Amino acid sequence: MEKIKFTFEDAGESVEFFVLEQTKLNGSVYILVTDSQEDDAECLILKETASKEDGESIYEVVEDDTELLAVSKLFEELLEDVDIEI
């Protein structure tokens, strides 16, 4: 499982997440990440909002309920053995 580091610009702190899956929906890139490899871990769905020239991407947490529901169902289908509770 790939591990990536996110830096929160407003707080200036970094956090590492494990990337469970990545997908595209309606032209937008989404990633499903978790802070733990344990069962019943908390997860976040992040949406790529921009990509810098140096290869780094900028992501935001998906907060819109309709968008979150649609993307979570897509991730559940891709991962088969994962249930995402919103």
PDB file of N, CA and C in Angstrom:
ATOM      1  N   MET A   1       0.854  -1.179   0.000  1.00  0.00           N
ATOM      2  CA  MET A   1       0.000   0.000   0.000  1.00  0.00           C
ATOM      3  C   MET A   1       0.896   1.237   0.000  1.00  0.00           C
ATOM      4  N   GLU A   2       0.625   2.135  -0.907  1.00  0.00           N
ATOM      5  CA  GLU A   2       1.425   3.351  -1.037  1.00  0.00           C
ATOM      6  C   GLU A   2       1.151   4.309   0.122  1.00  0.00           C
ATOM      7  N   LYS A   3       2.201   4.922   0.623  1.00  0.00           N
ATOM      8  CA  LYS A   3       2.084   5.897   1.704  1.00  0.00           C
ATOM      9  C   LYS A   3       2.540   7.247   1.162  1.00  0.00           C
ATOM     10  N   ILE A   4       1.716   8.276   1.367  1.00  0.00           N
ATOM     11  CA  ILE A   4       2.055   9.602   0.874  1.00  0.00           C
ATOM     12  C   ILE A   4       1.955  10.619   2.007  1.00  0.00           C
ATOM     13  N   LYS A   5       2.672  11.711   1.846  1.00  0.00           N
ATOM     14  CA  LYS A   5       2.688  12.765   2.862  1.00  0.00           C
ATOM     15  C   LYS A   5       1.886  13.959   2.358  1.00  0.00           C
ATOM     16  N   PHE A   6       0.983  14.444   3.204  1.00  0.00           N
ATOM     17  CA  PHE A   6       0.199  15.628   2.899  1.00  0.00           C
ATOM     18  C   PHE A   6       0.637  16.748   3.827  1.00  0.00           C
ATOM     19  N   THR A   7       0.750  17.940   3.270  1.00  0.00           N
ATOM     20  CA  THR A   7       1.080  19.110   4.064  1.00  0.00           C
ATOM     21  C   THR A   7      -0.126  20.042   4.047  1.00  0.00           C
ATOM     22  N   PHE A   8      -0.621  20.356   5.226  1.00  0.00           N
ATOM     23  CA  PHE A   8      -1.744  21.273   5.348  1.00  0.00           C
ATOM     24  C   PHE A   8      -1.186  22.690   5.341  1.00  0.00           C
ATOM     25  N   GLU A   9      -1.515  23.449   4.293  1.00  0.00           N
ATOM     26  CA  GLU A   9      -0.936  24.782   4.122  1.00  0.00           C
ATOM     27  C   GLU A   9      -1.332  25.744   5.220  1.00  0.00           C
ATOM     28  N   ASP A  10      -2.580  25.651   5.691  1.00  0.00           N
ATOM     29  CA  ASP A  10      -3.023  26.599   6.714  1.00  0.00           C
ATOM     30  C   ASP A  10      -2.340  26.365   8.058  1.00  0.00           C
ATOM     31  N   ALA A  11      -2.031  25.101   8.377  1.00  0.00           N
ATOM     32  CA  ALA A  11      -1.408  24.788   9.657  1.00  0.00           C
ATOM     33  C   ALA A  11       0.096  24.567   9.523  1.00  0.00           C
ATOM     34  N   GLY A  12       0.553  24.298   8.299  1.00  0.00           N
ATOM     35  CA  GLY A  12       1.969  24.067   8.082  1.00  0.00           C
ATOM     36  C   GLY A  12       2.469  22.740   8.612  1.00  0.00           C
ATOM     37  N   GLU A  13       1.578  21.820   8.922  1.00  0.00           N
ATOM     38  CA  GLU A  13       1.990  20.519   9.440  1.00  0.00           C
ATOM     39  C   GLU A  13       1.784  19.441   8.382  1.00  0.00           C
ATOM     40  N   SER A  14       2.528  18.348   8.515  1.00  0.00           N
ATOM     41  CA  SER A  14       2.443  17.238   7.571  1.00  0.00           C
ATOM     42  C   SER A  14       1.870  16.003   8.248  1.00  0.00           C
ATOM     43  N   VAL A  15       1.113  15.233   7.466  1.00  0.00           N
ATOM     44  CA  VAL A  15       0.512  13.993   7.940  1.00  0.00           C
ATOM     45  C   VAL A  15       0.700  12.944   6.851  1.00  0.00           C
ATOM     46  N   GLU A  16       0.996  11.711   7.253  1.00  0.00           N
ATOM     47  CA  GLU A  16       1.131  10.643   6.273  1.00  0.00           C
ATOM     48  C   GLU A  16      -0.146   9.809   6.227  1.00  0.00           C
ATOM     49  N   PHE A  17      -0.556   9.468   5.012  1.00  0.00           N
ATOM     50  CA  PHE A  17      -1.729   8.641   4.786  1.00  0.00           C
ATOM     51  C   PHE A  17      -1.369   7.472   3.889  1.00  0.00           C
ATOM     52  N   PHE A  18      -2.105   6.377   4.036  1.00  0.00           N
ATOM     53  CA  PHE A  18      -2.009   5.247   3.126  1.00  0.00           C
ATOM     54  C   PHE A  18      -3.077   5.426   2.055  1.00  0.00           C
ATOM     55  N   VAL A  19      -2.698   5.283   0.799  1.00  0.00           N
ATOM     56  CA  VAL A  19      -3.648   5.404  -0.305  1.00  0.00           C
ATOM     57  C   VAL A  19      -4.247   4.036  -0.567  1.00  0.00           C
ATOM     58  N   LEU A  20      -5.570   3.935  -0.377  1.00  0.00           N
ATOM     59  CA  LEU A  20      -6.267   2.679  -0.604  1.00  0.00           C
ATOM     60  C   LEU A  20      -6.658   2.494  -2.064  1.00  0.00           C
ATOM     61  N   GLU A  21      -7.076   3.584  -2.708  1.00  0.00           N
ATOM     62  CA  GLU A  21      -7.544   3.502  -4.096  1.00  0.00           C
ATOM     63  C   GLU A  21      -7.601   4.893  -4.689  1.00  0.00           C
ATOM     64  N   GLN A  22      -7.548   4.947  -6.015  1.00  0.00           N
ATOM     65  CA  GLN A  22      -7.685   6.202  -6.760  1.00  0.00           C
ATOM     66  C   GLN A  22      -8.645   5.950  -7.901  1.00  0.00           C
ATOM     67  N   THR A  23      -9.476   6.949  -8.222  1.00  0.00           N
ATOM     68  CA  THR A  23     -10.420   6.814  -9.323  1.00  0.00           C
ATOM     69  C   THR A  23     -10.734   8.179  -9.917  1.00  0.00           C
ATOM     70  N   LYS A  24     -11.405   8.158 -11.053  1.00  0.00           N
ATOM     71  CA  LYS A  24     -11.877   9.387 -11.700  1.00  0.00           C
ATOM     72  C   LYS A  24     -13.386   9.316 -11.813  1.00  0.00           C
ATOM     73  N   LEU A  25     -14.032  10.453 -11.605  1.00  0.00           N
ATOM     74  CA  LEU A  25     -15.476  10.563 -11.760  1.00  0.00           C
ATOM     75  C   LEU A  25     -15.776  11.945 -12.316  1.00  0.00           C
ATOM     76  N   ASN A  26     -16.482  11.989 -13.418  1.00  0.00           N
ATOM     77  CA  ASN A  26     -16.831  13.252 -14.078  1.00  0.00           C
ATOM     78  C   ASN A  26     -15.611  14.144 -14.311  1.00  0.00           C
ATOM     79  N   GLY A  27     -14.489  13.544 -14.679  1.00  0.00           N
ATOM     80  CA  GLY A  27     -13.285  14.296 -14.996  1.00  0.00           C
ATOM     81  C   GLY A  27     -12.445  14.707 -13.804  1.00  0.00           C
ATOM     82  N   SER A  28     -12.887  14.397 -12.592  1.00  0.00           N
ATOM     83  CA  SER A  28     -12.130  14.744 -11.384  1.00  0.00           C
ATOM     84  C   SER A  28     -11.451  13.496 -10.818  1.00  0.00           C
ATOM     85  N   VAL A  29     -10.251  13.682 -10.248  1.00  0.00           N
ATOM     86  CA  VAL A  29      -9.500  12.594  -9.639  1.00  0.00           C
ATOM     87  C   VAL A  29      -9.776  12.580  -8.137  1.00  0.00           C
ATOM     88  N   TYR A  30     -10.085  11.386  -7.605  1.00  0.00           N
ATOM     89  CA  TYR A  30     -10.348  11.209  -6.177  1.00  0.00           C
ATOM     90  C   TYR A  30      -9.429  10.121  -5.644  1.00  0.00           C
ATOM     91  N   ILE A  31      -8.998  10.280  -4.388  1.00  0.00           N
ATOM     92  CA  ILE A  31      -8.250   9.223  -3.723  1.00  0.00           C
ATOM     93  C   ILE A  31      -8.905   8.920  -2.376  1.00  0.00           C
ATOM     94  N   LEU A  32      -8.873   7.654  -2.023  1.00  0.00           N
ATOM     95  CA  LEU A  32      -9.368   7.191  -0.730  1.00  0.00           C
ATOM     96  C   LEU A  32      -8.143   6.916   0.124  1.00  0.00           C
ATOM     97  N   VAL A  33      -8.014   7.626   1.246  1.00  0.00           N
ATOM     98  CA  VAL A  33      -6.838   7.494   2.105  1.00  0.00           C
ATOM     99  C   VAL A  33      -7.250   7.145   3.532  1.00  0.00           C
ATOM    100  N   THR A  34      -6.311   6.551   4.261  1.00  0.00           N
ATOM    101  CA  THR A  34      -6.516   6.232   5.665  1.00  0.00           C
ATOM    102  C   THR A  34      -5.216   6.493   6.419  1.00  0.00           C
ATOM    103  N   ASP A  35      -5.339   6.718   7.720  1.00  0.00           N
ATOM    104  CA  ASP A  35      -4.141   6.964   8.520  1.00  0.00           C
ATOM    105  C   ASP A  35      -3.617   5.691   9.176  1.00  0.00           C
ATOM    106  N   SER A  36      -4.302   4.548   8.934  1.00  0.00           N
ATOM    107  CA  SER A  36      -3.924   3.291   9.570  1.00  0.00           C
ATOM    108  C   SER A  36      -4.222   2.131   8.629  1.00  0.00           C
ATOM    109  N   GLN A  37      -3.447   1.060   8.755  1.00  0.00           N
ATOM    110  CA  GLN A  37      -3.702  -0.135   7.959  1.00  0.00           C
ATOM    111  C   GLN A  37      -4.595  -1.126   8.703  1.00  0.00           C
ATOM    112  N   GLU A  38      -5.040  -0.770   9.887  1.00  0.00           N
ATOM    113  CA  GLU A  38      -5.889  -1.640  10.698  1.00  0.00           C
ATOM    114  C   GLU A  38      -7.310  -1.688  10.153  1.00  0.00           C
ATOM    115  N   ASP A  39      -8.042  -2.763  10.488  1.00  0.00           N
ATOM    116  CA  ASP A  39      -9.469  -2.837  10.143  1.00  0.00           C
ATOM    117  C   ASP A  39     -10.217  -1.733  10.870  1.00  0.00           C
ATOM    118  N   ASP A  40     -11.326  -1.313  10.329  1.00  0.00           N
ATOM    119  CA  ASP A  40     -12.172  -0.268  10.910  1.00  0.00           C
ATOM    120  C   ASP A  40     -11.431   1.060  11.092  1.00  0.00           C
ATOM    121  N   ALA A  41     -10.522   1.372  10.194  1.00  0.00           N
ATOM    122  CA  ALA A  41      -9.777   2.629  10.265  1.00  0.00           C
ATOM    123  C   ALA A  41     -10.625   3.763   9.715  1.00  0.00           C
ATOM    124  N   GLU A  42     -10.320   4.964  10.162  1.00  0.00           N
ATOM    125  CA  GLU A  42     -10.957   6.162   9.620  1.00  0.00           C
ATOM    126  C   GLU A  42     -10.381   6.424   8.236  1.00  0.00           C
ATOM    127  N   CYS A  43     -11.223   6.884   7.325  1.00  0.00           N
ATOM    128  CA  CYS A  43     -10.721   7.204   5.994  1.00  0.00           C
ATOM    129  C   CYS A  43     -11.276   8.543   5.535  1.00  0.00           C
ATOM    130  N   LEU A  44     -10.609   9.107   4.542  1.00  0.00           N
ATOM    131  CA  LEU A  44     -11.024  10.370   3.935  1.00  0.00           C
ATOM    132  C   LEU A  44     -11.071  10.184   2.428  1.00  0.00           C
ATOM    133  N   ILE A  45     -11.988  10.876   1.789  1.00  0.00           N
ATOM    134  CA  ILE A  45     -12.005  10.934   0.335  1.00  0.00           C
ATOM    135  C   ILE A  45     -11.535  12.328  -0.039  1.00  0.00           C
ATOM    136  N   LEU A  46     -10.465  12.370  -0.820  1.00  0.00           N
ATOM    137  CA  LEU A  46      -9.865  13.631  -1.225  1.00  0.00           C
ATOM    138  C   LEU A  46     -10.027  13.816  -2.727  1.00  0.00           C
ATOM    139  N   LYS A  47     -10.241  15.065  -3.129  1.00  0.00           N
ATOM    140  CA  LYS A  47     -10.425  15.408  -4.530  1.00  0.00           C
ATOM    141  C   LYS A  47      -9.254  16.270  -4.979  1.00  0.00           C
ATOM    142  N   GLU A  48      -8.656  15.901  -6.109  1.00  0.00           N
ATOM    143  CA  GLU A  48      -7.562  16.699  -6.653  1.00  0.00           C
ATOM    144  C   GLU A  48      -8.136  17.987  -7.225  1.00  0.00           C
ATOM    145  N   THR A  49      -7.623  19.120  -6.732  1.00  0.00           N
ATOM    146  CA  THR A  49      -8.136  20.414  -7.194  1.00  0.00           C
ATOM    147  C   THR A  49      -7.168  21.110  -8.134  1.00  0.00           C
ATOM    148  N   ALA A  50      -5.900  20.723  -8.095  1.00  0.00           N
ATOM    149  CA  ALA A  50      -4.897  21.317  -8.979  1.00  0.00           C
ATOM    150  C   ALA A  50      -3.664  20.429  -8.974  1.00  0.00           C
ATOM    151  N   SER A  51      -2.862  20.575 -10.016  1.00  0.00           N
ATOM    152  CA  SER A  51      -1.607  19.854 -10.118  1.00  0.00           C
ATOM    153  C   SER A  51      -0.517  20.848 -10.458  1.00  0.00           C
ATOM    154  N   LYS A  52       0.534  20.853  -9.666  1.00  0.00           N
ATOM    155  CA  LYS A  52       1.642  21.780  -9.883  1.00  0.00           C
ATOM    156  C   LYS A  52       2.587  21.229 -10.945  1.00  0.00           C
ATOM    157  N   GLU A  53       3.400  22.103 -11.505  1.00  0.00           N
ATOM    158  CA  GLU A  53       4.355  21.695 -12.529  1.00  0.00           C
ATOM    159  C   GLU A  53       5.389  20.702 -12.008  1.00  0.00           C
ATOM    160  N   ASP A  54       5.689  20.732 -10.711  1.00  0.00           N
ATOM    161  CA  ASP A  54       6.693  19.830 -10.149  1.00  0.00           C
ATOM    162  C   ASP A  54       6.142  18.435  -9.861  1.00  0.00           C
ATOM    163  N   GLY A  55       4.903  18.153 -10.285  1.00  0.00           N
ATOM    164  CA  GLY A  55       4.321  16.831 -10.119  1.00  0.00           C
ATOM    165  C   GLY A  55       3.490  16.666  -8.859  1.00  0.00           C
ATOM    166  N   GLU A  56       3.523  17.632  -7.964  1.00  0.00           N
ATOM    167  CA  GLU A  56       2.718  17.545  -6.748  1.00  0.00           C
ATOM    168  C   GLU A  56       1.280  17.938  -7.051  1.00  0.00           C
ATOM    169  N   SER A  57       0.360  17.272  -6.386  1.00  0.00           N
ATOM    170  CA  SER A  57      -1.061  17.579  -6.557  1.00  0.00           C
ATOM    171  C   SER A  57      -1.593  18.270  -5.312  1.00  0.00           C
ATOM    172  N   ILE A  58      -2.636  19.038  -5.500  1.00  0.00           N
ATOM    173  CA  ILE A  58      -3.307  19.696  -4.382  1.00  0.00           C
ATOM    174  C   ILE A  58      -4.661  19.020  -4.216  1.00  0.00           C
ATOM    175  N   TYR A  59      -4.952  18.565  -2.996  1.00  0.00           N
ATOM    176  CA  TYR A  59      -6.191  17.862  -2.700  1.00  0.00           C
ATOM    177  C   TYR A  59      -6.985  18.581  -1.625  1.00  0.00           C
ATOM    178  N   GLU A  60      -8.297  18.422  -1.696  1.00  0.00           N
ATOM    179  CA  GLU A  60      -9.195  18.921  -0.654  1.00  0.00           C
ATOM    180  C   GLU A  60     -10.107  17.781  -0.219  1.00  0.00           C
ATOM    181  N   VAL A  61     -10.489  17.788   1.047  1.00  0.00           N
ATOM    182  CA  VAL A  61     -11.423  16.790   1.563  1.00  0.00           C
ATOM    183  C   VAL A  61     -12.795  17.033   0.936  1.00  0.00           C
ATOM    184  N   VAL A  62     -13.417  15.961   0.454  1.00  0.00           N
ATOM    185  CA  VAL A  62     -14.754  16.075  -0.131  1.00  0.00           C
ATOM    186  C   VAL A  62     -15.756  16.240   1.004  1.00  0.00           C
ATOM    187  N   GLU A  63     -16.498  17.346   0.990  1.00  0.00           N
ATOM    188  CA  GLU A  63     -17.459  17.628   2.051  1.00  0.00           C
ATOM    189  C   GLU A  63     -18.899  17.683   1.556  1.00  0.00           C
ATOM    190  N   ASP A  64     -19.097  17.863   0.248  1.00  0.00           N
ATOM    191  CA  ASP A  64     -20.437  17.904  -0.313  1.00  0.00           C
ATOM    192  C   ASP A  64     -21.067  16.516  -0.196  1.00  0.00           C
ATOM    193  N   ASP A  65     -22.228  16.424   0.467  1.00  0.00           N
ATOM    194  CA  ASP A  65     -22.861  15.132   0.747  1.00  0.00           C
ATOM    195  C   ASP A  65     -23.176  14.331  -0.505  1.00  0.00           C
ATOM    196  N   THR A  66     -23.675  14.969  -1.554  1.00  0.00           N
ATOM    197  CA  THR A  66     -24.029  14.272  -2.784  1.00  0.00           C
ATOM    198  C   THR A  66     -22.782  13.709  -3.462  1.00  0.00           C
ATOM    199  N   GLU A  67     -21.752  14.535  -3.553  1.00  0.00           N
ATOM    200  CA  GLU A  67     -20.494  14.110  -4.160  1.00  0.00           C
ATOM    201  C   GLU A  67     -19.847  13.000  -3.333  1.00  0.00           C
ATOM    202  N   LEU A  68     -19.872  13.135  -2.022  1.00  0.00           N
ATOM    203  CA  LEU A  68     -19.283  12.155  -1.116  1.00  0.00           C
ATOM    204  C   LEU A  68     -19.969  10.803  -1.252  1.00  0.00           C
ATOM    205  N   LEU A  69     -21.286  10.795  -1.325  1.00  0.00           N
ATOM    206  CA  LEU A  69     -22.044   9.554  -1.468  1.00  0.00           C
ATOM    207  C   LEU A  69     -21.712   8.865  -2.791  1.00  0.00           C
ATOM    208  N   ALA A  70     -21.680   9.621  -3.874  1.00  0.00           N
ATOM    209  CA  ALA A  70     -21.393   9.052  -5.199  1.00  0.00           C
ATOM    210  C   ALA A  70     -19.990   8.445  -5.253  1.00  0.00           C
ATOM    211  N   VAL A  71     -19.010   9.167  -4.744  1.00  0.00           N
ATOM    212  CA  VAL A  71     -17.632   8.689  -4.803  1.00  0.00           C
ATOM    213  C   VAL A  71     -17.417   7.519  -3.840  1.00  0.00           C
ATOM    214  N   SER A  72     -18.038   7.554  -2.671  1.00  0.00           N
ATOM    215  CA  SER A  72     -17.875   6.443  -1.719  1.00  0.00           C
ATOM    216  C   SER A  72     -18.453   5.155  -2.290  1.00  0.00           C
ATOM    217  N   LYS A  73     -19.588   5.236  -2.981  1.00  0.00           N
ATOM    218  CA  LYS A  73     -20.168   4.042  -3.613  1.00  0.00           C
ATOM    219  C   LYS A  73     -19.236   3.494  -4.698  1.00  0.00           C
ATOM    220  N   LEU A  74     -18.604   4.384  -5.447  1.00  0.00           N
ATOM    221  CA  LEU A  74     -17.651   3.967  -6.467  1.00  0.00           C
ATOM    222  C   LEU A  74     -16.456   3.254  -5.839  1.00  0.00           C
ATOM    223  N   PHE A  75     -15.914   3.807  -4.753  1.00  0.00           N
ATOM    224  CA  PHE A  75     -14.801   3.157  -4.064  1.00  0.00           C
ATOM    225  C   PHE A  75     -15.212   1.799  -3.489  1.00  0.00           C
ATOM    226  N   GLU A  76     -16.415   1.680  -2.965  1.00  0.00           N
ATOM    227  CA  GLU A  76     -16.892   0.400  -2.439  1.00  0.00           C
ATOM    228  C   GLU A  76     -16.941  -0.654  -3.547  1.00  0.00           C
ATOM    229  N   GLU A  77     -17.373  -0.257  -4.745  1.00  0.00           N
ATOM    230  CA  GLU A  77     -17.404  -1.187  -5.872  1.00  0.00           C
ATOM    231  C   GLU A  77     -15.993  -1.597  -6.288  1.00  0.00           C
ATOM    232  N   LEU A  78     -15.076  -0.640  -6.299  1.00  0.00           N
ATOM    233  CA  LEU A  78     -13.693  -0.939  -6.710  1.00  0.00           C
ATOM    234  C   LEU A  78     -12.990  -1.846  -5.715  1.00  0.00           C
ATOM    235  N   LEU A  79     -13.240  -1.666  -4.439  1.00  0.00           N
ATOM    236  CA  LEU A  79     -12.526  -2.399  -3.402  1.00  0.00           C
ATOM    237  C   LEU A  79     -13.261  -3.657  -2.934  1.00  0.00           C
ATOM    238  N   GLU A  80     -14.487  -3.841  -3.288  1.00  0.00           N
ATOM    239  CA  GLU A  80     -15.331  -4.999  -3.000  1.00  0.00           C
ATOM    240  C   GLU A  80     -15.452  -5.375  -1.519  1.00  0.00           C
ATOM    241  N   ASP A  81     -14.365  -5.461  -0.775  1.00  0.00           N
ATOM    242  CA  ASP A  81     -14.420  -5.906   0.613  1.00  0.00           C
ATOM    243  C   ASP A  81     -14.419  -4.746   1.609  1.00  0.00           C
ATOM    244  N   VAL A  82     -14.708  -3.533   1.129  1.00  0.00           N
ATOM    245  CA  VAL A  82     -14.680  -2.342   1.976  1.00  0.00           C
ATOM    246  C   VAL A  82     -16.063  -1.717   2.057  1.00  0.00           C
ATOM    247  N   ASP A  83     -16.492  -1.404   3.267  1.00  0.00           N
ATOM    248  CA  ASP A  83     -17.729  -0.669   3.486  1.00  0.00           C
ATOM    249  C   ASP A  83     -17.379   0.699   4.022  1.00  0.00           C
ATOM    250  N   ILE A  84     -17.823   1.727   3.328  1.00  0.00           N
ATOM    251  CA  ILE A  84     -17.533   3.097   3.739  1.00  0.00           C
ATOM    252  C   ILE A  84     -18.776   3.684   4.386  1.00  0.00           C
ATOM    253  N   GLU A  85     -18.646   4.063   5.647  1.00  0.00           N
ATOM    254  CA  GLU A  85     -19.748   4.686   6.362  1.00  0.00           C
ATOM    255  C   GLU A  85     -19.556   6.194   6.355  1.00  0.00           C
ATOM    256  N   ILE A  86     -20.586   6.889   5.942  1.00  0.00           N
ATOM    257  CA  ILE A  86     -20.496   8.350   5.856  1.00  0.00           C
ATOM    258  C   ILE A  86     -21.097   8.968   7.094  1.00  0.00           C
TER     259      ILE A  86
END
